[in-house]
Amino acid sequence: MKTNVYVDGFNLYYGCLKNSPHRWLNLAELCRLMLPNDTIHQIRYFTARVSARPSDPDQPIRQQTYLRALETIPNLTITYGSFLTHTVSMPLANPKPGQSTYADVIRTTEKGSDVNLATYLLFDAFRNDCDVAVIISNDSDLREPVRIVTQELGKKVGVINPHKHPSRELVQYATFVKRIRQGVLRASQFPASLTDQNGTFHKPQSW
């Protein structure tokens, strides 16, 4: 079966990669292990470029290194949304007597990945670019595009869930659901060193 895979990068990261030793993830190998009977036609990866934080100024450098690793996968494309950082005033849970009840905090928001993923999922389904579509996400906002592709266009849509529990909204319309387990992540890592047209680069040391 000719299969397209649609990866919500932030949902994948916060679902099973953050604070794990498996962040140097080879998505092509993950797809091969999770979908052994499918022919992976293309992998679409959706993300946004992060901004440096005072507590982690090297975060954009690590992300760029990982994106460079992903670009060594021949049938993978990257579509970017936006990453917004702003300061907001939030109420304190337990303010001390005589102190302000509010504190300024840095809030980060990723915008666009779910919309971009839904757009390409529908676009590819309408032009018959694949027999099966698989989304790597647990975002319930994808319920309606999944419903349209399965019920209106008659195609199979699978969900590979990076979180502990699958979204009920996605399960309702998905053809099948699989959960990403740590053993598969462990077996799906890039080599520590990779080479592209710009030379050799390495897995971030802190990973």
N, C-alpha and C. Protein backbone atom coordinates (compact mmCIF):
# COMPACT_ATOMS: atom_id res chain seq x y z
N MET A 1 0.84 -1.20 0.00
CA MET A 1 0.00 0.00 0.00
C MET A 1 0.87 1.25 0.00
N LYS A 2 0.60 2.16 -0.91
CA LYS A 2 1.34 3.43 -0.96
C LYS A 2 0.83 4.34 0.14
N THR A 3 1.74 4.71 1.04
CA THR A 3 1.35 5.40 2.28
C THR A 3 2.06 6.73 2.42
N ASN A 4 1.32 7.75 2.78
CA ASN A 4 1.88 9.04 3.17
C ASN A 4 1.77 9.19 4.68
N VAL A 5 2.82 9.74 5.28
CA VAL A 5 2.86 9.93 6.73
C VAL A 5 2.95 11.42 7.03
N TYR A 6 2.11 11.89 7.94
CA TYR A 6 2.01 13.31 8.28
C TYR A 6 2.37 13.46 9.76
N VAL A 7 3.47 14.15 10.04
CA VAL A 7 4.03 14.20 11.40
C VAL A 7 3.85 15.58 12.00
N ASP A 8 3.12 15.65 13.10
CA ASP A 8 3.00 16.88 13.89
C ASP A 8 4.21 16.91 14.82
N GLY A 9 5.24 17.68 14.44
CA GLY A 9 6.51 17.64 15.14
C GLY A 9 6.42 17.97 16.62
N PHE A 10 5.67 18.99 16.99
CA PHE A 10 5.57 19.39 18.39
C PHE A 10 4.77 18.36 19.18
N ASN A 11 3.70 17.83 18.59
CA ASN A 11 2.91 16.82 19.28
C ASN A 11 3.73 15.56 19.51
N LEU A 12 4.53 15.18 18.54
CA LEU A 12 5.42 14.04 18.70
C LEU A 12 6.45 14.30 19.79
N TYR A 13 7.05 15.49 19.77
CA TYR A 13 8.10 15.81 20.73
C TYR A 13 7.57 15.79 22.16
N TYR A 14 6.47 16.49 22.39
CA TYR A 14 5.94 16.58 23.76
C TYR A 14 5.22 15.30 24.17
N GLY A 15 4.86 14.47 23.20
CA GLY A 15 4.19 13.23 23.53
C GLY A 15 5.11 12.14 24.02
N CYS A 16 6.31 12.02 23.39
CA CYS A 16 7.16 10.89 23.78
C CYS A 16 8.66 11.14 23.66
N LEU A 17 9.08 12.35 23.28
CA LEU A 17 10.51 12.58 23.08
C LEU A 17 11.15 13.51 24.11
N LYS A 18 10.41 14.48 24.60
CA LYS A 18 10.98 15.43 25.55
C LYS A 18 11.52 14.70 26.78
N ASN A 19 12.72 15.08 27.19
CA ASN A 19 13.40 14.49 28.35
C ASN A 19 13.68 13.00 28.19
N SER A 20 13.66 12.52 26.95
CA SER A 20 13.99 11.12 26.70
C SER A 20 15.35 11.05 26.00
N PRO A 21 15.98 9.88 25.93
CA PRO A 21 17.24 9.73 25.21
C PRO A 21 17.03 9.45 23.73
N HIS A 22 15.81 9.63 23.22
CA HIS A 22 15.48 9.21 21.85
C HIS A 22 15.13 10.37 20.93
N ARG A 23 15.63 11.56 21.24
CA ARG A 23 15.24 12.74 20.45
C ARG A 23 15.88 12.78 19.07
N TRP A 24 16.95 12.01 18.87
CA TRP A 24 17.66 11.98 17.58
C TRP A 24 16.93 10.96 16.67
N LEU A 25 15.65 11.20 16.46
CA LEU A 25 14.75 10.21 15.89
C LEU A 25 14.76 10.22 14.36
N ASN A 26 15.03 9.06 13.79
CA ASN A 26 14.98 8.87 12.34
C ASN A 26 13.55 8.51 11.97
N LEU A 27 12.82 9.45 11.40
CA LEU A 27 11.41 9.22 11.10
C LEU A 27 11.21 8.17 10.03
N ALA A 28 12.14 8.04 9.10
CA ALA A 28 12.01 7.00 8.08
C ALA A 28 12.07 5.62 8.71
N GLU A 29 12.98 5.43 9.66
CA GLU A 29 13.09 4.14 10.33
C GLU A 29 11.89 3.90 11.23
N LEU A 30 11.41 4.95 11.90
CA LEU A 30 10.20 4.81 12.72
C LEU A 30 9.04 4.34 11.87
N CYS A 31 8.87 4.94 10.69
CA CYS A 31 7.77 4.55 9.81
C CYS A 31 7.95 3.11 9.33
N ARG A 32 9.17 2.72 9.03
CA ARG A 32 9.42 1.36 8.56
C ARG A 32 9.04 0.33 9.63
N LEU A 33 9.37 0.64 10.88
CA LEU A 33 9.07 -0.29 11.97
C LEU A 33 7.59 -0.29 12.34
N MET A 34 6.97 0.87 12.30
CA MET A 34 5.57 0.97 12.69
C MET A 34 4.62 0.50 11.58
N LEU A 35 5.08 0.61 10.33
CA LEU A 35 4.24 0.27 9.17
C LEU A 35 4.99 -0.69 8.26
N PRO A 36 5.29 -1.90 8.74
CA PRO A 36 6.18 -2.80 8.00
C PRO A 36 5.61 -3.30 6.68
N ASN A 37 4.31 -3.26 6.50
CA ASN A 37 3.69 -3.76 5.27
C ASN A 37 3.34 -2.67 4.28
N ASP A 38 3.74 -1.45 4.58
CA ASP A 38 3.41 -0.30 3.73
C ASP A 38 4.64 0.17 2.97
N THR A 39 4.40 0.75 1.80
CA THR A 39 5.44 1.44 1.05
C THR A 39 5.30 2.92 1.34
N ILE A 40 6.29 3.50 2.01
CA ILE A 40 6.21 4.91 2.41
C ILE A 40 6.52 5.79 1.21
N HIS A 41 5.48 6.42 0.69
CA HIS A 41 5.63 7.28 -0.49
C HIS A 41 6.28 8.60 -0.13
N GLN A 42 5.75 9.25 0.90
CA GLN A 42 6.36 10.49 1.37
C GLN A 42 6.04 10.70 2.84
N ILE A 43 6.95 11.43 3.50
CA ILE A 43 6.78 11.83 4.89
C ILE A 43 6.72 13.34 4.92
N ARG A 44 5.65 13.87 5.46
CA ARG A 44 5.50 15.33 5.60
C ARG A 44 5.65 15.67 7.08
N TYR A 45 6.63 16.52 7.39
CA TYR A 45 6.93 16.89 8.77
C TYR A 45 6.54 18.34 8.98
N PHE A 46 5.75 18.60 10.03
CA PHE A 46 5.22 19.94 10.30
C PHE A 46 5.76 20.44 11.63
N THR A 47 6.37 21.62 11.60
CA THR A 47 6.99 22.16 12.81
C THR A 47 7.07 23.67 12.70
N ALA A 48 7.76 24.29 13.65
CA ALA A 48 8.06 25.72 13.62
C ALA A 48 9.43 25.91 14.23
N ARG A 49 10.14 26.90 13.76
CA ARG A 49 11.48 27.18 14.29
C ARG A 49 11.34 27.83 15.66
N VAL A 50 11.96 27.23 16.66
CA VAL A 50 11.84 27.73 18.03
C VAL A 50 12.76 28.93 18.25
N SER A 51 12.48 29.67 19.29
CA SER A 51 13.31 30.81 19.68
C SER A 51 14.13 30.46 20.91
N ALA A 52 15.26 31.12 21.06
CA ALA A 52 16.10 30.90 22.25
C ALA A 52 15.39 31.44 23.49
N ARG A 53 15.60 30.74 24.60
CA ARG A 53 15.07 31.18 25.88
C ARG A 53 16.26 31.49 26.79
N PRO A 54 16.06 32.37 27.77
CA PRO A 54 17.15 32.65 28.71
C PRO A 54 17.67 31.39 29.40
N SER A 55 16.77 30.46 29.68
CA SER A 55 17.17 29.23 30.35
C SER A 55 17.76 28.19 29.41
N ASP A 56 17.59 28.40 28.10
CA ASP A 56 18.06 27.42 27.11
C ASP A 56 18.40 28.13 25.80
N PRO A 57 19.50 28.88 25.77
CA PRO A 57 19.83 29.65 24.57
C PRO A 57 20.22 28.78 23.37
N ASP A 58 20.59 27.53 23.59
CA ASP A 58 21.03 26.66 22.50
C ASP A 58 19.91 25.84 21.87
N GLN A 59 18.69 26.02 22.33
CA GLN A 59 17.58 25.24 21.81
C GLN A 59 17.42 25.37 20.29
N PRO A 60 17.49 26.58 19.71
CA PRO A 60 17.37 26.68 18.24
C PRO A 60 18.49 25.96 17.50
N ILE A 61 19.68 25.93 18.08
CA ILE A 61 20.80 25.25 17.43
C ILE A 61 20.55 23.75 17.39
N ARG A 62 20.07 23.19 18.50
CA ARG A 62 19.76 21.76 18.53
C ARG A 62 18.65 21.41 17.54
N GLN A 63 17.63 22.28 17.50
CA GLN A 63 16.55 22.00 16.57
C GLN A 63 17.04 22.04 15.13
N GLN A 64 17.86 23.05 14.80
CA GLN A 64 18.35 23.16 13.43
C GLN A 64 19.20 21.95 13.05
N THR A 65 19.96 21.45 14.00
CA THR A 65 20.75 20.25 13.73
C THR A 65 19.85 19.06 13.44
N TYR A 66 18.76 18.94 14.20
CA TYR A 66 17.82 17.84 13.96
C TYR A 66 17.11 17.99 12.62
N LEU A 67 16.72 19.21 12.29
CA LEU A 67 16.07 19.43 10.99
C LEU A 67 17.03 19.09 9.85
N ARG A 68 18.30 19.38 10.04
CA ARG A 68 19.31 19.02 9.05
C ARG A 68 19.38 17.50 8.90
N ALA A 69 19.28 16.79 10.02
CA ALA A 69 19.27 15.32 9.97
C ALA A 69 18.04 14.82 9.21
N LEU A 70 16.90 15.39 9.48
CA LEU A 70 15.68 14.97 8.78
C LEU A 70 15.79 15.21 7.28
N GLU A 71 16.48 16.26 6.90
CA GLU A 71 16.60 16.58 5.47
C GLU A 71 17.48 15.58 4.72
N THR A 72 18.16 14.68 5.42
CA THR A 72 18.90 13.62 4.74
C THR A 72 17.97 12.49 4.31
N ILE A 73 16.71 12.51 4.74
CA ILE A 73 15.73 11.49 4.33
C ILE A 73 15.16 11.92 2.98
N PRO A 74 15.36 11.13 1.93
CA PRO A 74 15.02 11.59 0.57
C PRO A 74 13.55 11.93 0.35
N ASN A 75 12.63 11.19 0.95
CA ASN A 75 11.21 11.42 0.67
C ASN A 75 10.51 12.22 1.77
N LEU A 76 11.29 13.00 2.52
CA LEU A 76 10.73 13.81 3.61
C LEU A 76 10.78 15.29 3.25
N THR A 77 9.68 15.99 3.50
CA THR A 77 9.63 17.44 3.33
C THR A 77 9.22 18.07 4.65
N ILE A 78 9.64 19.31 4.86
CA ILE A 78 9.35 20.04 6.10
C ILE A 78 8.51 21.27 5.77
N THR A 79 7.40 21.43 6.47
CA THR A 79 6.54 22.60 6.32
C THR A 79 6.52 23.34 7.65
N TYR A 80 6.75 24.65 7.60
CA TYR A 80 6.92 25.44 8.83
C TYR A 80 5.68 26.26 9.16
N GLY A 81 5.34 26.26 10.44
CA GLY A 81 4.38 27.19 10.98
C GLY A 81 5.12 28.31 11.69
N SER A 82 4.53 28.86 12.74
CA SER A 82 5.13 29.98 13.48
C SER A 82 5.30 29.61 14.94
N PHE A 83 6.34 30.16 15.55
CA PHE A 83 6.60 29.96 16.97
C PHE A 83 6.60 31.34 17.62
N LEU A 84 5.63 31.58 18.50
CA LEU A 84 5.45 32.90 19.09
C LEU A 84 5.88 32.88 20.56
N THR A 85 6.63 33.90 20.96
CA THR A 85 7.05 34.05 22.35
C THR A 85 6.63 35.42 22.85
N HIS A 86 5.94 35.47 23.97
CA HIS A 86 5.54 36.76 24.52
C HIS A 86 5.42 36.65 26.03
N THR A 87 5.49 37.80 26.68
CA THR A 87 5.38 37.86 28.14
C THR A 87 3.95 38.17 28.54
N VAL A 88 3.42 37.39 29.47
CA VAL A 88 2.06 37.62 29.95
C VAL A 88 2.06 37.66 31.47
N SER A 89 1.09 38.33 32.03
CA SER A 89 0.94 38.41 33.48
C SER A 89 -0.04 37.34 33.92
N MET A 90 0.41 36.49 34.86
CA MET A 90 -0.41 35.37 35.31
C MET A 90 -0.59 35.43 36.83
N PRO A 91 -1.75 35.01 37.34
CA PRO A 91 -1.96 35.04 38.79
C PRO A 91 -1.15 33.93 39.47
N LEU A 92 -0.60 34.23 40.63
CA LEU A 92 0.13 33.24 41.41
C LEU A 92 -0.84 32.29 42.11
N ALA A 93 -0.44 31.02 42.21
CA ALA A 93 -1.30 30.04 42.88
C ALA A 93 -1.35 30.30 44.38
N ASN A 94 -0.19 30.65 44.97
CA ASN A 94 -0.13 30.86 46.42
C ASN A 94 0.67 32.12 46.73
N PRO A 95 0.09 33.29 46.48
CA PRO A 95 0.83 34.53 46.75
C PRO A 95 1.06 34.72 48.24
N LYS A 96 2.21 35.29 48.58
CA LYS A 96 2.53 35.56 49.97
C LYS A 96 1.92 36.89 50.38
N PRO A 97 1.54 37.02 51.63
CA PRO A 97 0.94 38.28 52.10
C PRO A 97 1.86 39.47 51.83
N GLY A 98 1.28 40.52 51.29
CA GLY A 98 2.04 41.73 51.03
C GLY A 98 2.74 41.75 49.68
N GLN A 99 2.77 40.62 48.96
CA GLN A 99 3.40 40.56 47.64
C GLN A 99 2.35 40.64 46.54
N SER A 100 2.80 40.96 45.36
CA SER A 100 1.90 41.00 44.22
C SER A 100 1.29 39.63 43.99
N THR A 101 0.05 39.61 43.57
CA THR A 101 -0.62 38.33 43.30
C THR A 101 -0.40 37.86 41.86
N TYR A 102 0.37 38.65 41.10
CA TYR A 102 0.64 38.30 39.70
C TYR A 102 2.14 38.24 39.46
N ALA A 103 2.53 37.49 38.43
CA ALA A 103 3.93 37.42 38.00
C ALA A 103 3.97 37.40 36.49
N ASP A 104 5.02 38.02 35.92
CA ASP A 104 5.22 37.98 34.48
C ASP A 104 5.90 36.68 34.10
N VAL A 105 5.33 35.97 33.14
CA VAL A 105 5.91 34.71 32.68
C VAL A 105 6.05 34.74 31.16
N ILE A 106 6.98 33.93 30.65
CA ILE A 106 7.19 33.81 29.21
C ILE A 106 6.31 32.68 28.69
N ARG A 107 5.44 33.01 27.75
CA ARG A 107 4.56 31.99 27.16
C ARG A 107 4.96 31.78 25.71
N THR A 108 5.12 30.52 25.34
CA THR A 108 5.45 30.19 23.95
C THR A 108 4.28 29.44 23.33
N THR A 109 4.00 29.74 22.07
CA THR A 109 2.89 29.13 21.37
C THR A 109 3.32 28.75 19.96
N GLU A 110 3.03 27.52 19.58
CA GLU A 110 3.30 27.09 18.21
C GLU A 110 2.01 27.21 17.42
N LYS A 111 2.08 27.85 16.26
CA LYS A 111 0.89 28.07 15.45
C LYS A 111 1.10 27.50 14.05
N GLY A 112 0.08 26.84 13.56
CA GLY A 112 0.07 26.49 12.15
C GLY A 112 0.28 25.03 11.81
N SER A 113 0.93 24.26 12.68
CA SER A 113 1.25 22.88 12.31
C SER A 113 -0.01 22.04 12.08
N ASP A 114 -1.01 22.17 12.97
CA ASP A 114 -2.21 21.36 12.81
C ASP A 114 -2.97 21.74 11.55
N VAL A 115 -3.03 23.05 11.25
CA VAL A 115 -3.72 23.51 10.04
C VAL A 115 -2.96 23.06 8.79
N ASN A 116 -1.65 23.19 8.81
CA ASN A 116 -0.84 22.76 7.67
C ASN A 116 -0.97 21.26 7.44
N LEU A 117 -0.95 20.49 8.54
CA LEU A 117 -1.08 19.05 8.41
C LEU A 117 -2.44 18.68 7.81
N ALA A 118 -3.49 19.29 8.33
CA ALA A 118 -4.83 19.00 7.81
C ALA A 118 -4.94 19.37 6.34
N THR A 119 -4.33 20.50 5.96
CA THR A 119 -4.39 20.95 4.57
C THR A 119 -3.74 19.95 3.63
N TYR A 120 -2.55 19.50 3.98
CA TYR A 120 -1.85 18.56 3.10
C TYR A 120 -2.49 17.17 3.13
N LEU A 121 -3.04 16.77 4.27
CA LEU A 121 -3.75 15.50 4.34
C LEU A 121 -4.92 15.50 3.34
N LEU A 122 -5.70 16.56 3.35
CA LEU A 122 -6.83 16.66 2.43
C LEU A 122 -6.37 16.82 0.98
N PHE A 123 -5.37 17.65 0.77
CA PHE A 123 -4.85 17.89 -0.58
C PHE A 123 -4.37 16.59 -1.22
N ASP A 124 -3.58 15.81 -0.48
CA ASP A 124 -3.06 14.57 -1.02
C ASP A 124 -4.17 13.54 -1.23
N ALA A 125 -5.15 13.52 -0.34
CA ALA A 125 -6.25 12.57 -0.50
C ALA A 125 -7.09 12.91 -1.72
N PHE A 126 -7.38 14.19 -1.93
CA PHE A 126 -8.18 14.60 -3.08
C PHE A 126 -7.48 14.30 -4.41
N ARG A 127 -6.17 14.42 -4.44
CA ARG A 127 -5.45 14.15 -5.70
C ARG A 127 -4.97 12.71 -5.80
N ASN A 128 -5.43 11.86 -4.86
CA ASN A 128 -5.15 10.43 -4.89
C ASN A 128 -3.65 10.15 -4.86
N ASP A 129 -2.94 10.85 -4.00
CA ASP A 129 -1.49 10.71 -3.90
C ASP A 129 -1.07 9.49 -3.09
N CYS A 130 -2.00 8.87 -2.38
CA CYS A 130 -1.66 7.71 -1.56
C CYS A 130 -2.89 6.83 -1.39
N ASP A 131 -2.62 5.57 -1.01
CA ASP A 131 -3.71 4.65 -0.69
C ASP A 131 -4.09 4.74 0.79
N VAL A 132 -3.08 5.00 1.62
CA VAL A 132 -3.26 5.10 3.06
C VAL A 132 -2.58 6.37 3.56
N ALA A 133 -3.24 7.10 4.46
CA ALA A 133 -2.63 8.26 5.11
C ALA A 133 -2.47 7.92 6.59
N VAL A 134 -1.32 8.26 7.14
CA VAL A 134 -1.06 8.01 8.56
C VAL A 134 -0.62 9.31 9.21
N ILE A 135 -1.27 9.70 10.29
CA ILE A 135 -0.86 10.90 11.01
C ILE A 135 -0.16 10.50 12.30
N ILE A 136 0.95 11.13 12.58
CA ILE A 136 1.64 10.94 13.85
C ILE A 136 1.30 12.16 14.70
N SER A 137 0.28 12.02 15.49
CA SER A 137 -0.23 13.11 16.32
C SER A 137 -1.34 12.55 17.20
N ASN A 138 -1.67 13.30 18.23
CA ASN A 138 -2.82 12.97 19.07
C ASN A 138 -3.73 14.19 19.22
N ASP A 139 -3.65 15.09 18.24
CA ASP A 139 -4.37 16.35 18.30
C ASP A 139 -5.82 16.15 17.86
N SER A 140 -6.75 16.34 18.78
CA SER A 140 -8.16 16.13 18.48
C SER A 140 -8.69 17.11 17.43
N ASP A 141 -7.97 18.22 17.19
CA ASP A 141 -8.40 19.17 16.17
C ASP A 141 -8.35 18.57 14.77
N LEU A 142 -7.68 17.44 14.62
CA LEU A 142 -7.59 16.79 13.30
C LEU A 142 -8.77 15.85 13.04
N ARG A 143 -9.72 15.84 13.95
CA ARG A 143 -10.86 14.92 13.80
C ARG A 143 -11.59 15.11 12.48
N GLU A 144 -11.93 16.35 12.13
CA GLU A 144 -12.76 16.57 10.94
C GLU A 144 -12.02 16.22 9.64
N PRO A 145 -10.77 16.64 9.44
CA PRO A 145 -10.09 16.19 8.22
C PRO A 145 -9.94 14.67 8.15
N VAL A 146 -9.73 14.01 9.28
CA VAL A 146 -9.66 12.55 9.27
C VAL A 146 -11.02 11.97 8.87
N ARG A 147 -12.08 12.54 9.39
CA ARG A 147 -13.43 12.07 9.03
C ARG A 147 -13.69 12.23 7.54
N ILE A 148 -13.32 13.37 6.99
CA ILE A 148 -13.56 13.63 5.57
C ILE A 148 -12.81 12.62 4.70
N VAL A 149 -11.55 12.37 5.05
CA VAL A 149 -10.74 11.46 4.24
C VAL A 149 -11.27 10.03 4.33
N THR A 150 -11.71 9.61 5.51
CA THR A 150 -12.19 8.24 5.65
C THR A 150 -13.63 8.07 5.14
N GLN A 151 -14.51 8.97 5.53
CA GLN A 151 -15.92 8.78 5.23
C GLN A 151 -16.35 9.36 3.89
N GLU A 152 -15.80 10.49 3.50
CA GLU A 152 -16.20 11.13 2.25
C GLU A 152 -15.36 10.67 1.06
N LEU A 153 -14.06 10.42 1.31
CA LEU A 153 -13.18 10.03 0.21
C LEU A 153 -12.87 8.54 0.19
N GLY A 154 -13.28 7.85 1.25
CA GLY A 154 -13.15 6.41 1.26
C GLY A 154 -11.74 5.87 1.38
N LYS A 155 -10.83 6.64 1.98
CA LYS A 155 -9.46 6.20 2.15
C LYS A 155 -9.20 5.79 3.60
N LYS A 156 -8.18 4.98 3.78
CA LYS A 156 -7.78 4.59 5.12
C LYS A 156 -6.90 5.67 5.75
N VAL A 157 -7.16 5.96 7.00
CA VAL A 157 -6.34 6.90 7.76
C VAL A 157 -5.97 6.24 9.08
N GLY A 158 -4.67 6.07 9.30
CA GLY A 158 -4.19 5.53 10.55
C GLY A 158 -3.65 6.62 11.46
N VAL A 159 -3.66 6.36 12.74
CA VAL A 159 -3.11 7.29 13.73
C VAL A 159 -2.01 6.57 14.48
N ILE A 160 -0.81 7.13 14.45
CA ILE A 160 0.27 6.66 15.30
C ILE A 160 0.37 7.65 16.45
N ASN A 161 0.02 7.19 17.64
CA ASN A 161 -0.16 8.07 18.79
C ASN A 161 1.12 8.17 19.62
N PRO A 162 1.69 9.37 19.76
CA PRO A 162 2.89 9.51 20.59
C PRO A 162 2.59 9.68 22.07
N HIS A 163 1.34 9.79 22.44
CA HIS A 163 0.95 10.00 23.84
C HIS A 163 0.50 8.69 24.48
N LYS A 164 0.29 8.74 25.77
CA LYS A 164 -0.08 7.54 26.51
C LYS A 164 -1.47 7.06 26.14
N HIS A 165 -2.41 8.01 26.01
CA HIS A 165 -3.78 7.64 25.70
C HIS A 165 -4.20 8.32 24.40
N PRO A 166 -4.85 7.59 23.49
CA PRO A 166 -5.26 8.19 22.22
C PRO A 166 -6.46 9.11 22.37
N SER A 167 -6.53 10.10 21.50
CA SER A 167 -7.66 11.01 21.48
C SER A 167 -8.93 10.26 21.04
N ARG A 168 -9.99 10.39 21.82
CA ARG A 168 -11.25 9.73 21.46
C ARG A 168 -11.79 10.25 20.15
N GLU A 169 -11.58 11.54 19.87
CA GLU A 169 -12.07 12.13 18.63
C GLU A 169 -11.40 11.51 17.41
N LEU A 170 -10.09 11.24 17.52
CA LEU A 170 -9.39 10.62 16.40
C LEU A 170 -9.73 9.14 16.27
N VAL A 171 -9.82 8.47 17.38
CA VAL A 171 -10.15 7.04 17.37
C VAL A 171 -11.51 6.81 16.69
N GLN A 172 -12.41 7.77 16.87
CA GLN A 172 -13.76 7.63 16.33
C GLN A 172 -13.76 7.43 14.82
N TYR A 173 -12.81 8.07 14.12
CA TYR A 173 -12.82 8.03 12.66
C TYR A 173 -11.59 7.36 12.05
N ALA A 174 -10.59 7.06 12.84
CA ALA A 174 -9.37 6.44 12.30
C ALA A 174 -9.63 5.00 11.90
N THR A 175 -8.95 4.57 10.84
CA THR A 175 -9.04 3.17 10.40
C THR A 175 -8.31 2.26 11.37
N PHE A 176 -7.18 2.72 11.88
CA PHE A 176 -6.44 1.97 12.88
C PHE A 176 -5.64 2.94 13.73
N VAL A 177 -5.27 2.51 14.93
CA VAL A 177 -4.51 3.33 15.86
C VAL A 177 -3.37 2.48 16.42
N LYS A 178 -2.17 3.04 16.43
CA LYS A 178 -1.02 2.39 17.05
C LYS A 178 -0.35 3.38 18.00
N ARG A 179 0.26 2.85 19.03
CA ARG A 179 0.98 3.70 19.98
C ARG A 179 2.48 3.52 19.79
N ILE A 180 3.22 4.64 19.86
CA ILE A 180 4.67 4.58 19.77
C ILE A 180 5.22 4.13 21.12
N ARG A 181 6.01 3.08 21.10
CA ARG A 181 6.60 2.56 22.33
C ARG A 181 8.10 2.84 22.37
N GLN A 182 8.64 2.81 23.58
CA GLN A 182 10.04 3.18 23.78
C GLN A 182 10.99 2.27 23.00
N GLY A 183 10.67 1.00 22.88
CA GLY A 183 11.53 0.10 22.13
C GLY A 183 11.67 0.48 20.67
N VAL A 184 10.58 0.94 20.08
CA VAL A 184 10.61 1.38 18.69
C VAL A 184 11.42 2.67 18.56
N LEU A 185 11.26 3.58 19.50
CA LEU A 185 12.05 4.82 19.48
C LEU A 185 13.54 4.50 19.59
N ARG A 186 13.87 3.59 20.46
CA ARG A 186 15.27 3.20 20.67
C ARG A 186 15.87 2.61 19.39
N ALA A 187 15.07 1.89 18.65
CA ALA A 187 15.55 1.24 17.42
C ALA A 187 15.50 2.16 16.20
N SER A 188 15.02 3.39 16.38
CA SER A 188 14.81 4.29 15.24
C SER A 188 15.68 5.54 15.31
N GLN A 189 16.88 5.41 15.84
CA GLN A 189 17.76 6.56 16.00
C GLN A 189 18.70 6.73 14.80
N PHE A 190 18.98 7.98 14.45
CA PHE A 190 20.00 8.27 13.46
C PHE A 190 21.37 7.85 14.00
N PRO A 191 22.34 7.60 13.12
CA PRO A 191 23.72 7.45 13.59
C PRO A 191 24.18 8.74 14.27
N ALA A 192 25.15 8.64 15.16
CA ALA A 192 25.63 9.82 15.89
C ALA A 192 26.18 10.88 14.96
N SER A 193 26.74 10.48 13.82
CA SER A 193 27.28 11.41 12.83
C SER A 193 26.58 11.18 11.50
N LEU A 194 26.26 12.27 10.82
CA LEU A 194 25.63 12.23 9.51
C LEU A 194 26.37 13.15 8.56
N THR A 195 26.21 12.89 7.27
CA THR A 195 26.85 13.73 6.25
C THR A 195 25.81 14.15 5.22
N ASP A 196 25.81 15.44 4.90
CA ASP A 196 24.99 15.94 3.81
C ASP A 196 25.86 16.75 2.86
N GLN A 197 25.25 17.52 1.97
CA GLN A 197 26.02 18.26 0.97
C GLN A 197 26.91 19.34 1.59
N ASN A 198 26.65 19.69 2.84
CA ASN A 198 27.45 20.71 3.51
C ASN A 198 28.54 20.13 4.41
N GLY A 199 28.60 18.80 4.50
CA GLY A 199 29.64 18.19 5.31
C GLY A 199 29.08 17.28 6.39
N THR A 200 29.90 16.98 7.37
CA THR A 200 29.53 16.07 8.45
C THR A 200 29.05 16.86 9.67
N PHE A 201 28.02 16.38 10.31
CA PHE A 201 27.52 17.01 11.53
C PHE A 201 27.15 15.91 12.52
N HIS A 202 26.90 16.31 13.77
CA HIS A 202 26.79 15.33 14.84
C HIS A 202 25.53 15.57 15.68
N LYS A 203 25.10 14.51 16.30
CA LYS A 203 24.00 14.57 17.27
C LYS A 203 24.37 15.56 18.39
N PRO A 204 23.42 16.42 18.80
CA PRO A 204 23.71 17.34 19.91
C PRO A 204 24.19 16.61 21.15
N GLN A 205 25.19 17.15 21.80
CA GLN A 205 25.80 16.47 22.95
C GLN A 205 24.81 16.22 24.08
N SER A 206 23.91 17.18 24.31
CA SER A 206 22.98 17.03 25.44
C SER A 206 21.90 15.99 25.16
N TRP A 207 21.83 15.47 23.92
CA TRP A 207 20.85 14.44 23.58
C TRP A 207 21.45 13.06 23.75
